[in-house]
C-alpha atoms as a PDB file:
ATOM      1  CA  MET A   1       0.000   0.000   0.000  1.00  0.00           C
ATOM      2  CA  VAL A   2       2.972   2.274   0.531  1.00  0.00           C
ATOM      3  CA  ALA A   3       3.964   1.992  -3.128  1.00  0.00           C
ATOM      4  CA  ALA A   4       0.387   2.648  -4.214  1.00  0.00           C
ATOM      5  CA  ALA A   5       0.284   5.767  -2.020  1.00  0.00           C
ATOM      6  CA  PHE A   6       3.124   7.106  -4.186  1.00  0.00           C
ATOM      7  CA  ASP A   7       1.156   6.407  -7.389  1.00  0.00           C
ATOM      8  CA  ALA A   8       2.920   3.158  -8.243  1.00  0.00           C
ATOM      9  CA  GLU A   9       0.785   0.600 -10.037  1.00  0.00           C
ATOM     10  CA  VAL A  10       0.550  -2.356  -7.654  1.00  0.00           C
ATOM     11  CA  SER A  11      -0.455  -5.953  -8.391  1.00  0.00           C
ATOM     12  CA  LEU A  12      -0.829  -8.661  -5.747  1.00  0.00           C
ATOM     13  CA  ILE A  13      -0.587 -12.403  -6.372  1.00  0.00           C
ATOM     14  CA  PHE A  14      -1.788 -14.752  -3.645  1.00  0.00           C
ATOM     15  CA  ARG A  15      -0.032 -18.121  -3.820  1.00  0.00           C
ATOM     16  CA  GLY A  16       0.425 -21.155  -1.603  1.00  0.00           C
ATOM     17  CA  ASP A  17      -1.129 -20.774   1.840  1.00  0.00           C
ATOM     18  CA  GLY A  18      -1.594 -17.077   1.043  1.00  0.00           C
ATOM     19  CA  ILE A  19      -4.808 -17.996  -0.744  1.00  0.00           C
ATOM     20  CA  TRP A  20      -6.451 -18.527   2.661  1.00  0.00           C
ATOM     21  CA  SER A  21      -6.274 -14.734   3.086  1.00  0.00           C
ATOM     22  CA  LEU A  22      -8.832 -14.382   0.308  1.00  0.00           C
ATOM     23  CA  LEU A  23     -11.534 -16.422   1.999  1.00  0.00           C
ATOM     24  CA  PRO A  24     -14.456 -14.460   3.444  1.00  0.00           C
ATOM     25  CA  ASP A  25     -15.099 -14.612   7.194  1.00  0.00           C
ATOM     26  CA  GLN A  26     -11.505 -15.425   8.061  1.00  0.00           C
ATOM     27  CA  GLN A  27     -10.828 -16.856  11.508  1.00  0.00           C
ATOM     28  CA  ALA A  28      -7.113 -16.077  11.505  1.00  0.00           C
ATOM     29  CA  GLN A  29      -6.856 -15.779  15.285  1.00  0.00           C
ATOM     30  CA  HIS A  30      -7.509 -19.530  15.547  1.00  0.00           C
ATOM     31  CA  VAL A  31      -4.159 -20.212  13.891  1.00  0.00           C
ATOM     32  CA  GLY A  32      -2.274 -17.390  15.585  1.00  0.00           C
ATOM     33  CA  GLN A  33      -2.378 -15.050  12.582  1.00  0.00           C
ATOM     34  CA  ARG A  34      -3.842 -11.642  11.849  1.00  0.00           C
ATOM     35  CA  SER A  35      -6.798 -11.385   9.510  1.00  0.00           C
ATOM     36  CA  PHE A  36      -6.129  -9.901   6.098  1.00  0.00           C
ATOM     37  CA  ALA A  37      -9.795  -8.902   5.606  1.00  0.00           C
ATOM     38  CA  LYS A  38      -9.398  -5.271   6.695  1.00  0.00           C
ATOM     39  CA  ILE A  39      -6.368  -4.837   4.462  1.00  0.00           C
ATOM     40  CA  LEU A  40      -8.281  -6.265   1.494  1.00  0.00           C
ATOM     41  CA  GLN A  41     -11.044  -3.739   2.091  1.00  0.00           C
ATOM     42  CA  ALA A  42      -8.526  -0.879   2.243  1.00  0.00           C
ATOM     43  CA  LEU A  43      -6.804  -1.789  -1.030  1.00  0.00           C
ATOM     44  CA  ALA A  44      -9.475   0.000  -3.063  1.00  0.00           C
ATOM     45  CA  ASP A  45      -8.713   3.241  -1.167  1.00  0.00           C
ATOM     46  CA  TYR A  46      -5.142   2.971  -2.466  1.00  0.00           C
ATOM     47  CA  GLU A  47      -6.336   2.128  -5.989  1.00  0.00           C
ATOM     48  CA  VAL A  48      -4.898  -1.376  -5.728  1.00  0.00           C
ATOM     49  CA  ASP A  49      -7.341  -3.313  -7.858  1.00  0.00           C
ATOM     50  CA  GLN A  50      -5.118  -5.852  -9.559  1.00  0.00           C
ATOM     51  CA  LEU A  51      -5.552  -8.909  -7.343  1.00  0.00           C
ATOM     52  CA  TYR A  52      -4.557 -12.322  -8.630  1.00  0.00           C
ATOM     53  CA  VAL A  53      -4.715 -15.821  -7.206  1.00  0.00           C
ATOM     54  CA  CYS A  54      -2.713 -18.896  -8.204  1.00  0.00           C
ATOM     55  CA  LEU A  55      -5.090 -21.447  -9.707  1.00  0.00           C
ATOM     56  CA  ASP A  56      -2.744 -24.299  -8.787  1.00  0.00           C
ATOM     57  CA  SER A  57      -2.690 -23.172  -5.138  1.00  0.00           C
ATOM     58  CA  LEU A  58      -6.492 -23.151  -5.097  1.00  0.00           C
ATOM     59  CA  ALA A  59      -6.698 -26.610  -6.645  1.00  0.00           C
ATOM     60  CA  ARG A  60      -4.156 -28.112  -4.211  1.00  0.00           C
ATOM     61  CA  ARG A  61      -6.246 -26.859  -1.302  1.00  0.00           C
ATOM     62  CA  ASN A  62      -9.601 -27.859  -2.807  1.00  0.00           C
ATOM     63  CA  VAL A  63     -10.767 -24.234  -2.935  1.00  0.00           C
ATOM     64  CA  GLU A  64     -12.950 -23.083  -5.799  1.00  0.00           C
ATOM     65  CA  PRO A  65     -12.092 -19.759  -7.479  1.00  0.00           C
ATOM     66  CA  THR A  66     -15.623 -18.588  -6.656  1.00  0.00           C
ATOM     67  CA  ASP A  67     -14.958 -19.164  -2.925  1.00  0.00           C
ATOM     68  CA  VAL A  68     -12.348 -16.408  -2.619  1.00  0.00           C
ATOM     69  CA  VAL A  69     -12.554 -12.623  -2.620  1.00  0.00           C
ATOM     70  CA  PRO A  70     -12.709 -11.425  -6.219  1.00  0.00           C
ATOM     71  CA  ALA A  71      -9.303 -12.007  -7.707  1.00  0.00           C
ATOM     72  CA  GLN A  72      -8.335 -13.069 -11.193  1.00  0.00           C
ATOM     73  CA  GLY A  73      -7.096 -16.654 -11.360  1.00  0.00           C
ATOM     74  CA  LEU A  74      -3.744 -17.168 -13.050  1.00  0.00           C
ATOM     75  CA  ASP A  75      -1.954 -20.332 -14.110  1.00  0.00           C
ATOM     76  CA  LEU A  76       1.824 -20.585 -13.688  1.00  0.00           C
ATOM     77  CA  ALA A  77       2.636 -19.244 -17.167  1.00  0.00           C
ATOM     78  CA  ALA A  78       0.417 -16.195 -16.655  1.00  0.00           C
ATOM     79  CA  GLN A  79       2.016 -15.549 -13.241  1.00  0.00           C
ATOM     80  CA  GLN A  80       5.482 -15.713 -14.761  1.00  0.00           C
ATOM     81  CA  GLN A  81       4.454 -13.256 -17.477  1.00  0.00           C
ATOM     82  CA  LEU A  82       2.884 -10.869 -14.963  1.00  0.00           C
ATOM     83  CA  ILE A  83       6.035 -10.922 -12.840  1.00  0.00           C
ATOM     84  CA  ALA A  84       8.259 -10.415 -15.885  1.00  0.00           C
ATOM     85  CA  ASP A  85       6.207  -7.360 -16.905  1.00  0.00           C
ATOM     86  CA  GLN A  86       6.685  -5.576 -13.555  1.00  0.00           C
ATOM     87  CA  ASP A  87       9.213  -2.818 -12.880  1.00  0.00           C
ATOM     88  CA  ALA A  88       9.830  -4.148  -9.367  1.00  0.00           C
ATOM     89  CA  VAL A  89       8.859  -7.333  -7.552  1.00  0.00           C
ATOM     90  CA  ILE A  90       8.632  -7.816  -3.798  1.00  0.00           C
ATOM     91  CA  GLY A  91       7.972 -11.350  -2.618  1.00  0.00           C
ATOM     92  CA  ALA A  92       7.097 -12.462   0.875  1.00  0.00           C
ATOM     93  CA  ALA A  93       7.536 -16.142   0.074  1.00  0.00           C
ATOM     94  CA  LEU A  94       7.970 -17.946  -3.211  1.00  0.00           C
END
């Protein structure tokens, strides 16, 4: 959100266990985590509207694309292309 506040175009890809952050009615406190729900709601205020989710990560966790907060599903090739097209990439975990 900091980059977006300085007018950078920001895209977010949720992969691996990160896809759980896109589920509605998160119960993150049960696993000792903080809920991402409030941050997701705030993204629009920062004009961050390019949200993506790894289709393979969804499939491995038996989560349907329609079960998560609106995000565009990407296969591995599309993720690689999106990353290659960026000016800068910051990854929490790959």
